[in-house]
N, C-alpha and C. Protein backbone atom coordinates (compact mmCIF):
# COMPACT_ATOMS: atom_id res chain seq x y z
N MET A 1 57.96 7.79 27.07
CA MET A 1 56.81 8.24 26.53
C MET A 1 55.57 7.31 26.24
N SER A 2 54.43 7.68 26.78
CA SER A 2 53.42 6.78 26.69
C SER A 2 52.80 6.88 24.89
N SER A 3 52.43 5.92 24.53
CA SER A 3 51.72 5.76 23.43
C SER A 3 50.37 6.28 23.38
N ILE A 4 49.85 6.82 22.14
CA ILE A 4 48.51 7.27 22.08
C ILE A 4 47.52 6.21 22.74
N PHE A 5 47.70 5.14 22.58
CA PHE A 5 46.66 3.99 23.11
C PHE A 5 46.65 4.03 24.69
N THR A 6 47.92 4.19 25.26
CA THR A 6 48.29 4.31 26.59
C THR A 6 47.39 5.55 26.98
N LYS A 7 47.41 6.65 26.38
CA LYS A 7 46.73 7.91 26.60
C LYS A 7 45.30 7.83 26.62
N ILE A 8 44.83 7.00 25.99
CA ILE A 8 43.35 6.56 25.75
C ILE A 8 43.00 5.81 26.82
N ILE A 9 43.75 4.70 27.16
CA ILE A 9 43.37 3.80 28.23
C ILE A 9 43.23 4.89 29.53
N ASN A 10 44.07 5.59 29.63
CA ASN A 10 44.28 6.42 30.93
C ASN A 10 43.06 7.72 30.82
N ARG A 11 42.57 7.81 29.72
CA ARG A 11 41.39 8.62 29.71
C ARG A 11 41.95 10.04 29.64
N GLU A 12 43.09 10.29 29.09
CA GLU A 12 43.73 11.39 28.60
C GLU A 12 43.48 12.10 27.32
N ILE A 13 43.16 11.25 26.26
CA ILE A 13 42.72 11.30 25.18
C ILE A 13 41.22 10.66 24.84
N PRO A 14 40.26 11.36 24.31
CA PRO A 14 38.99 10.66 23.93
C PRO A 14 39.01 9.50 22.99
N ALA A 15 38.16 8.44 22.97
CA ALA A 15 38.13 7.55 21.74
C ALA A 15 36.70 6.97 22.10
N ASP A 16 36.21 6.38 20.98
CA ASP A 16 35.02 5.64 20.83
C ASP A 16 35.17 4.34 21.38
N ILE A 17 35.11 3.91 22.62
CA ILE A 17 35.32 2.99 23.47
C ILE A 17 34.08 1.78 22.98
N VAL A 18 34.45 0.81 22.58
CA VAL A 18 33.30 -0.51 22.32
C VAL A 18 33.24 -1.33 23.20
N TYR A 19 34.16 -1.67 24.02
CA TYR A 19 34.23 -2.87 25.05
C TYR A 19 35.51 -2.60 25.78
N GLU A 20 35.38 -2.73 27.21
CA GLU A 20 36.61 -2.82 28.06
C GLU A 20 36.47 -4.04 29.08
N GLN A 21 37.71 -4.50 29.26
CA GLN A 21 37.85 -5.42 30.58
C GLN A 21 38.94 -4.95 31.21
N GLU A 22 39.51 -5.83 32.25
CA GLU A 22 40.54 -5.54 33.07
C GLU A 22 41.78 -5.32 32.30
N ASN A 23 42.22 -6.10 31.22
CA ASN A 23 43.47 -6.03 30.52
C ASN A 23 43.44 -5.53 29.19
N ILE A 24 42.16 -5.25 28.49
CA ILE A 24 41.71 -5.07 27.29
C ILE A 24 40.95 -3.88 26.93
N ILE A 25 41.30 -3.14 26.08
CA ILE A 25 40.12 -2.22 25.72
C ILE A 25 40.22 -2.37 24.24
N VAL A 26 38.66 -1.91 23.63
CA VAL A 26 38.50 -2.09 22.22
C VAL A 26 38.02 -0.74 21.92
N ILE A 27 38.52 -0.13 20.77
CA ILE A 27 38.14 1.17 20.19
C ILE A 27 37.97 1.12 18.96
N LYS A 28 37.12 2.07 18.25
CA LYS A 28 36.91 2.15 17.00
C LYS A 28 37.94 2.87 16.24
N ASP A 29 38.40 2.37 15.07
CA ASP A 29 39.51 3.11 14.50
C ASP A 29 39.19 4.39 13.70
N ILE A 30 39.84 5.36 14.13
CA ILE A 30 39.74 6.56 13.49
C ILE A 30 39.64 6.86 12.11
N ALA A 31 40.43 6.04 11.41
CA ALA A 31 40.48 5.83 9.89
C ALA A 31 40.10 4.43 9.41
N PRO A 32 38.94 4.18 9.45
CA PRO A 32 38.44 2.92 9.23
C PRO A 32 38.71 2.43 7.80
N GLN A 33 38.95 1.19 7.59
CA GLN A 33 39.12 0.58 6.25
C GLN A 33 38.06 -0.52 6.10
N ALA A 34 37.18 -0.53 6.89
CA ALA A 34 36.07 -1.61 6.62
C ALA A 34 34.94 -0.73 7.17
N LYS A 35 33.73 -1.46 6.97
CA LYS A 35 32.26 -1.03 7.79
C LYS A 35 32.57 -0.73 9.24
N ILE A 36 33.10 -2.00 9.67
CA ILE A 36 33.57 -2.02 11.03
C ILE A 36 34.99 -2.35 11.16
N HIS A 37 35.73 -1.36 11.82
CA HIS A 37 37.22 -1.52 11.88
C HIS A 37 37.34 -1.12 13.55
N LEU A 38 37.89 -2.23 14.12
CA LEU A 38 38.13 -1.88 15.68
C LEU A 38 39.45 -2.31 15.87
N LEU A 39 40.01 -1.76 17.07
CA LEU A 39 41.36 -2.10 17.62
C LEU A 39 41.41 -2.72 18.88
N ILE A 40 41.77 -3.72 19.13
CA ILE A 40 41.85 -4.57 20.22
C ILE A 40 43.05 -4.36 20.78
N ILE A 41 43.14 -3.48 22.08
CA ILE A 41 44.58 -3.06 22.60
C ILE A 41 44.79 -3.58 23.97
N PRO A 42 45.64 -4.25 24.22
CA PRO A 42 46.05 -4.69 25.68
C PRO A 42 46.53 -3.25 26.51
N LYS A 43 46.23 -3.33 27.58
CA LYS A 43 46.63 -2.43 28.48
C LYS A 43 47.87 -2.27 28.91
N LYS A 44 48.52 -3.38 28.86
CA LYS A 44 50.14 -3.32 28.82
C LYS A 44 50.71 -2.86 27.65
N GLU A 45 51.41 -1.85 27.70
CA GLU A 45 51.94 -1.25 26.46
C GLU A 45 53.21 -2.19 25.99
N ILE A 46 53.20 -2.98 25.16
CA ILE A 46 54.13 -3.44 24.23
C ILE A 46 54.21 -2.98 22.90
N PRO A 47 55.46 -2.36 22.52
CA PRO A 47 55.57 -1.86 21.30
C PRO A 47 55.47 -2.61 20.14
N THR A 48 55.92 -3.61 19.79
CA THR A 48 55.55 -4.71 18.73
C THR A 48 55.53 -6.16 19.09
N ILE A 49 55.04 -6.95 18.21
CA ILE A 49 54.79 -8.25 18.46
C ILE A 49 56.29 -9.04 18.72
N ASN A 50 57.34 -8.34 18.15
CA ASN A 50 58.76 -8.83 18.37
C ASN A 50 59.09 -8.64 19.84
N ASP A 51 58.54 -7.61 20.68
CA ASP A 51 58.68 -7.33 21.91
C ASP A 51 57.89 -8.23 22.92
N LEU A 52 57.11 -9.24 22.46
CA LEU A 52 56.36 -10.11 23.37
C LEU A 52 57.42 -10.79 24.28
N GLU A 53 56.99 -11.10 25.39
CA GLU A 53 57.54 -12.13 26.30
C GLU A 53 56.77 -13.27 26.75
N GLU A 54 57.53 -14.18 27.27
CA GLU A 54 56.59 -15.48 27.69
C GLU A 54 55.43 -15.22 28.49
N THR A 55 55.53 -14.31 29.36
CA THR A 55 54.72 -13.78 30.37
C THR A 55 53.47 -13.37 29.77
N ASP A 56 53.57 -12.89 28.37
CA ASP A 56 52.40 -12.25 27.58
C ASP A 56 51.52 -13.00 26.97
N ARG A 57 51.77 -14.58 27.18
CA ARG A 57 51.06 -15.64 26.43
C ARG A 57 49.51 -15.20 26.62
N ASP A 58 49.12 -15.24 28.07
CA ASP A 58 47.89 -15.32 28.28
C ASP A 58 47.15 -13.98 27.92
N LEU A 59 47.82 -12.90 27.93
CA LEU A 59 47.35 -11.65 27.33
C LEU A 59 46.89 -11.61 25.86
N ILE A 60 47.84 -12.25 24.89
CA ILE A 60 47.62 -12.18 23.58
C ILE A 60 46.42 -13.29 23.43
N ALA A 61 46.31 -14.30 23.93
CA ALA A 61 45.21 -15.22 23.78
C ALA A 61 43.95 -14.29 24.37
N GLU A 62 43.98 -13.69 25.23
CA GLU A 62 42.92 -12.82 25.82
C GLU A 62 42.38 -11.96 24.57
N MET A 63 43.52 -11.30 23.86
CA MET A 63 42.93 -10.48 22.79
C MET A 63 42.19 -11.00 21.85
N PHE A 64 42.28 -12.37 21.48
CA PHE A 64 41.86 -13.01 20.54
C PHE A 64 40.31 -13.53 21.01
N PHE A 65 40.12 -13.87 22.41
CA PHE A 65 38.79 -14.11 22.83
C PHE A 65 38.07 -12.81 22.87
N VAL A 66 38.32 -11.83 23.20
CA VAL A 66 37.87 -10.42 23.05
C VAL A 66 37.49 -10.15 21.79
N ALA A 67 38.10 -10.48 20.71
CA ALA A 67 37.73 -10.26 19.30
C ALA A 67 36.76 -11.29 18.98
N LYS A 68 36.63 -12.40 19.42
CA LYS A 68 35.43 -13.38 19.34
C LYS A 68 34.39 -12.65 19.83
N LYS A 69 34.33 -12.23 20.98
CA LYS A 69 33.22 -11.90 21.75
C LYS A 69 32.55 -10.56 21.11
N VAL A 70 33.47 -9.51 20.96
CA VAL A 70 33.02 -8.31 20.21
C VAL A 70 32.55 -8.49 18.91
N ALA A 71 33.04 -9.68 18.07
CA ALA A 71 32.43 -9.79 16.72
C ALA A 71 30.87 -10.57 17.06
N LYS A 72 30.89 -11.25 17.91
CA LYS A 72 29.38 -11.97 18.24
C LYS A 72 28.55 -10.72 18.49
N ASP A 73 29.05 -10.07 19.60
CA ASP A 73 28.17 -8.91 19.98
C ASP A 73 27.64 -8.04 18.80
N LEU A 74 28.56 -7.72 17.80
CA LEU A 74 28.21 -6.85 16.70
C LEU A 74 27.48 -7.65 15.46
N TRP A 75 27.31 -8.89 15.70
CA TRP A 75 26.77 -9.55 14.62
C TRP A 75 27.42 -9.82 13.26
N VAL A 76 28.81 -9.84 13.61
CA VAL A 76 29.79 -10.14 12.56
C VAL A 76 30.53 -11.24 12.43
N ASP A 77 30.05 -12.25 13.41
CA ASP A 77 30.84 -13.40 13.74
C ASP A 77 30.81 -14.35 12.48
N GLU A 78 30.23 -14.05 11.46
CA GLU A 78 30.30 -15.11 10.27
C GLU A 78 31.16 -14.52 9.26
N GLY A 79 31.69 -13.30 9.56
CA GLY A 79 32.76 -12.95 8.45
C GLY A 79 33.58 -11.65 8.89
N TYR A 80 34.67 -11.93 9.33
CA TYR A 80 35.71 -10.69 9.81
C TYR A 80 37.03 -11.00 9.67
N LYS A 81 37.87 -10.27 9.55
CA LYS A 81 39.46 -10.53 9.39
C LYS A 81 40.01 -9.83 10.78
N LEU A 82 41.10 -10.60 11.25
CA LEU A 82 41.79 -10.08 12.35
C LEU A 82 43.35 -10.14 11.81
N LYS A 83 43.95 -9.02 12.05
CA LYS A 83 45.48 -8.74 11.63
C LYS A 83 46.23 -7.92 12.64
N PHE A 84 47.60 -7.93 12.66
CA PHE A 84 48.57 -7.55 13.40
C PHE A 84 49.40 -6.73 12.43
N ASN A 85 49.63 -5.59 12.48
CA ASN A 85 50.96 -5.03 11.72
C ASN A 85 52.13 -4.94 12.52
N VAL A 86 53.30 -5.22 12.00
CA VAL A 86 54.45 -5.50 12.49
C VAL A 86 55.60 -4.39 12.14
N TRP A 87 55.89 -3.35 12.70
CA TRP A 87 56.79 -2.28 12.27
C TRP A 87 56.33 -1.50 11.01
N GLU A 88 56.84 -0.14 10.79
CA GLU A 88 56.32 0.84 10.00
C GLU A 88 56.33 0.16 8.73
N LYS A 89 57.41 -0.53 8.22
CA LYS A 89 57.39 -1.16 6.79
C LYS A 89 56.12 -1.95 6.65
N TRP A 90 55.57 -2.51 7.50
CA TRP A 90 54.16 -3.24 7.35
C TRP A 90 52.94 -2.37 7.90
N TRP A 91 52.94 -1.09 7.82
CA TRP A 91 51.86 -0.36 8.38
C TRP A 91 51.60 -0.37 9.81
N GLN A 92 52.60 -0.49 10.89
CA GLN A 92 52.20 -0.21 12.13
C GLN A 92 52.67 1.30 12.31
N GLU A 93 51.31 1.86 12.69
CA GLU A 93 51.66 3.25 12.94
C GLU A 93 51.75 3.77 14.49
N VAL A 94 51.31 2.72 15.53
CA VAL A 94 51.46 3.11 16.70
C VAL A 94 51.96 1.92 17.27
N PHE A 95 53.03 2.36 18.29
CA PHE A 95 54.13 1.26 18.61
C PHE A 95 53.53 0.91 20.00
N HIS A 96 52.41 0.30 19.97
CA HIS A 96 51.72 -0.34 20.92
C HIS A 96 50.87 -1.32 20.50
N ILE A 97 51.21 -2.76 20.69
CA ILE A 97 50.57 -3.66 19.75
C ILE A 97 48.83 -3.52 20.00
N HIS A 98 48.37 -4.10 18.57
CA HIS A 98 46.88 -3.69 18.69
C HIS A 98 46.57 -4.88 17.70
N LEU A 99 45.31 -5.52 17.84
CA LEU A 99 44.81 -6.40 16.78
C LEU A 99 43.55 -5.65 15.96
N HIS A 100 43.84 -5.75 14.79
CA HIS A 100 42.63 -5.06 13.90
C HIS A 100 41.51 -6.14 13.72
N LEU A 101 40.23 -5.73 13.87
CA LEU A 101 39.03 -6.48 13.60
C LEU A 101 38.45 -5.71 12.46
N LEU A 102 38.05 -6.15 11.37
CA LEU A 102 37.57 -5.54 10.31
C LEU A 102 36.57 -6.53 9.65
N SER A 103 35.48 -5.83 9.44
CA SER A 103 34.24 -6.65 8.69
C SER A 103 33.67 -5.67 7.78
N ASP A 104 32.93 -6.47 6.61
CA ASP A 104 32.02 -5.54 5.77
C ASP A 104 30.49 -5.95 5.93
N ILE A 105 30.30 -6.90 6.69
CA ILE A 105 28.83 -7.39 7.02
C ILE A 105 27.81 -6.54 7.22
N LYS A 106 28.20 -5.41 7.89
CA LYS A 106 26.94 -4.45 8.40
C LYS A 106 26.79 -3.37 7.23
């Protein structure tokens, strides 16, 4: 079964897309916890950080470079937080890895 993020990537469900490239999509979080709360999502469906494989190294690095670019584009590159949640016990709600970018600068 596909995650909600895979459905967004496949345009089966609408989302507020901020940025997209070949392997990554960035959307606004529907329940923001900061003035800016974005989700940086790989198009490859990987349930948790614990499911990463050696072949995912470049994809994970790409997520961080996308975070840097988006933060700069939104003029929040002088203050933001990046975080992964892993498993429900630590607030992972969608089992398709995603990097949260949060900022209260704007």
